[in-house]
Every structure is written in structure tokens, then in C-alpha cells.
Amino acid sequence: MTMADFEATPRKWGNSLGIIIPQEVVEQEGLVLGKKVRFIVVNESMERIKNAFGSLHIDTPTEQIMREIDEGWDD
């Protein structure tokens, strides 16, 4: 499975919303009419969560944390 990333603004399409998939993505992913495509929707609040990953800074070395986790398991 491959995955492309692009932003689109939903627009009114009858009683629904629709997006336009850029031609570059269509070609890259080999999209054709009638072939199912899975979309993952990431809104602004989820974007903030995504940006938070990797932002935690700990002064304790990883080795020390792992030793502390392992303490008591051999008893």
C-alpha cells in the first residue's frame, strides 16, 4: 500500500461535500474511476496532537530509565 499526502478544501457537491484529488496524486497512486480509495481525515485539532509527538524532552538518559523499569522483575 502506498500513501500520498495532500491538502484539499471540501466543497459543496449536492447534499454532500467533495474534494478534488490533484492529478499528480492520481498518477502517483494509479487511481482510476471505480477503484476504491481510503481517506484518512486529519483536522486541525489532530494536527496539533501530531505535532506534539516528539516534543517531550527528558534529561534522564534512556539507559537509566530502562534500568529503573527493569528493577524488581528478576525477584
C-alpha atoms as a PDB file:
ATOM      1  CA  MET A   1       0.000   0.000   0.000  1.00  0.00           C
ATOM      2  CA  THR A   2       1.312   3.429  -0.906  1.00  0.00           C
ATOM      3  CA  MET A   3       0.228   6.714   0.550  1.00  0.00           C
ATOM      4  CA  ALA A   4       0.119  10.269  -0.738  1.00  0.00           C
ATOM      5  CA  ASP A   5      -0.329  13.372   1.375  1.00  0.00           C
ATOM      6  CA  PHE A   6      -2.130  16.483   0.148  1.00  0.00           C
ATOM      7  CA  GLU A   7      -4.453  19.170   1.468  1.00  0.00           C
ATOM      8  CA  ALA A   8      -7.850  19.932  -0.008  1.00  0.00           C
ATOM      9  CA  THR A   9     -10.735  22.217   0.865  1.00  0.00           C
ATOM     10  CA  PRO A  10     -14.099  20.409   0.814  1.00  0.00           C
ATOM     11  CA  ARG A  11     -16.690  21.995  -1.476  1.00  0.00           C
ATOM     12  CA  LYS A  12     -20.438  21.563  -1.721  1.00  0.00           C
ATOM     13  CA  TRP A  13     -21.442  18.724  -4.039  1.00  0.00           C
ATOM     14  CA  GLY A  14     -25.209  18.191  -3.953  1.00  0.00           C
ATOM     15  CA  ASN A  15     -26.100  17.318  -0.356  1.00  0.00           C
ATOM     16  CA  SER A  16     -22.524  16.188   0.333  1.00  0.00           C
ATOM     17  CA  LEU A  17     -19.000  17.558   0.349  1.00  0.00           C
ATOM     18  CA  GLY A  18     -16.381  16.712  -2.238  1.00  0.00           C
ATOM     19  CA  ILE A  19     -12.650  17.203  -2.687  1.00  0.00           C
ATOM     20  CA  ILE A  20     -10.502  17.333  -5.788  1.00  0.00           C
ATOM     21  CA  ILE A  21      -7.559  14.944  -5.884  1.00  0.00           C
ATOM     22  CA  PRO A  22      -4.576  16.584  -7.624  1.00  0.00           C
ATOM     23  CA  GLN A  23      -3.575  14.978 -10.944  1.00  0.00           C
ATOM     24  CA  GLU A  24      -0.079  14.353  -9.571  1.00  0.00           C
ATOM     25  CA  VAL A  25      -1.569  12.186  -6.799  1.00  0.00           C
ATOM     26  CA  VAL A  26      -3.903  10.426  -9.257  1.00  0.00           C
ATOM     27  CA  GLU A  27      -0.927   9.432 -11.400  1.00  0.00           C
ATOM     28  CA  GLN A  28       1.385   8.621  -8.481  1.00  0.00           C
ATOM     29  CA  GLU A  29      -1.178   6.325  -6.845  1.00  0.00           C
ATOM     30  CA  GLY A  30      -2.614   4.861 -10.053  1.00  0.00           C
ATOM     31  CA  LEU A  31      -6.151   5.976  -9.222  1.00  0.00           C
ATOM     32  CA  VAL A  32      -8.874   5.111 -11.713  1.00  0.00           C
ATOM     33  CA  LEU A  33     -12.644   5.565 -11.823  1.00  0.00           C
ATOM     34  CA  GLY A  34     -14.471   2.857  -9.901  1.00  0.00           C
ATOM     35  CA  LYS A  35     -11.430   1.832  -7.833  1.00  0.00           C
ATOM     36  CA  LYS A  36     -11.930   2.254  -4.078  1.00  0.00           C
ATOM     37  CA  VAL A  37      -9.665   4.680  -2.256  1.00  0.00           C
ATOM     38  CA  ARG A  38      -9.310   5.033   1.519  1.00  0.00           C
ATOM     39  CA  PHE A  39      -9.056   8.521   3.001  1.00  0.00           C
ATOM     40  CA  ILE A  40      -7.798   9.444   6.451  1.00  0.00           C
ATOM     41  CA  VAL A  41      -9.169  12.782   7.613  1.00  0.00           C
ATOM     42  CA  VAL A  42      -6.866  14.867   9.810  1.00  0.00           C
ATOM     43  CA  ASN A  43      -8.404  18.101  11.010  1.00  0.00           C
ATOM     44  CA  GLU A  44      -6.649  20.977  12.792  1.00  0.00           C
ATOM     45  CA  SER A  45      -7.098  19.563  16.307  1.00  0.00           C
ATOM     46  CA  MET A  46      -5.494  16.274  15.237  1.00  0.00           C
ATOM     47  CA  GLU A  47      -2.680  18.229  13.580  1.00  0.00           C
ATOM     48  CA  ARG A  48      -1.859  19.778  16.970  1.00  0.00           C
ATOM     49  CA  ILE A  49      -1.687  16.290  18.503  1.00  0.00           C
ATOM     50  CA  LYS A  50       0.540  15.070  15.673  1.00  0.00           C
ATOM     51  CA  ASN A  51       2.917  17.995  16.201  1.00  0.00           C
ATOM     52  CA  ALA A  52       3.138  17.197  19.924  1.00  0.00           C
ATOM     53  CA  PHE A  53       4.774  13.820  19.280  1.00  0.00           C
ATOM     54  CA  GLY A  54       8.492  14.057  19.842  1.00  0.00           C
ATOM     55  CA  SER A  55       8.188  17.311  21.782  1.00  0.00           C
ATOM     56  CA  LEU A  56       8.728  15.737  25.237  1.00  0.00           C
ATOM     57  CA  HIS A  57      12.273  16.354  26.430  1.00  0.00           C
ATOM     58  CA  ILE A  58      13.659  14.253  29.309  1.00  0.00           C
ATOM     59  CA  ASP A  59      17.017  14.891  30.945  1.00  0.00           C
ATOM     60  CA  THR A  60      17.322  11.298  32.197  1.00  0.00           C
ATOM     61  CA  PRO A  61      19.313   9.038  29.856  1.00  0.00           C
ATOM     62  CA  THR A  62      17.303   6.259  28.195  1.00  0.00           C
ATOM     63  CA  GLU A  63      19.568   3.564  29.682  1.00  0.00           C
ATOM     64  CA  GLN A  64      18.802   4.764  33.209  1.00  0.00           C
ATOM     65  CA  ILE A  65      15.054   4.807  32.511  1.00  0.00           C
ATOM     66  CA  MET A  66      15.260   1.238  31.156  1.00  0.00           C
ATOM     67  CA  ARG A  67      17.192   0.058  34.261  1.00  0.00           C
ATOM     68  CA  GLU A  68      14.538   1.616  36.506  1.00  0.00           C
ATOM     69  CA  ILE A  69      11.780  -0.103  34.532  1.00  0.00           C
ATOM     70  CA  ASP A  70      13.550  -3.467  34.847  1.00  0.00           C
ATOM     71  CA  GLU A  71      14.094  -3.172  38.630  1.00  0.00           C
ATOM     72  CA  GLY A  72      12.126  -5.788  40.537  1.00  0.00           C
ATOM     73  CA  TRP A  73      11.381  -8.041  37.563  1.00  0.00           C
ATOM     74  CA  ASP A  74      14.114 -10.548  38.454  1.00  0.00           C
ATOM     75  CA  ASP A  75      12.861 -11.115  42.030  1.00  0.00           C
END
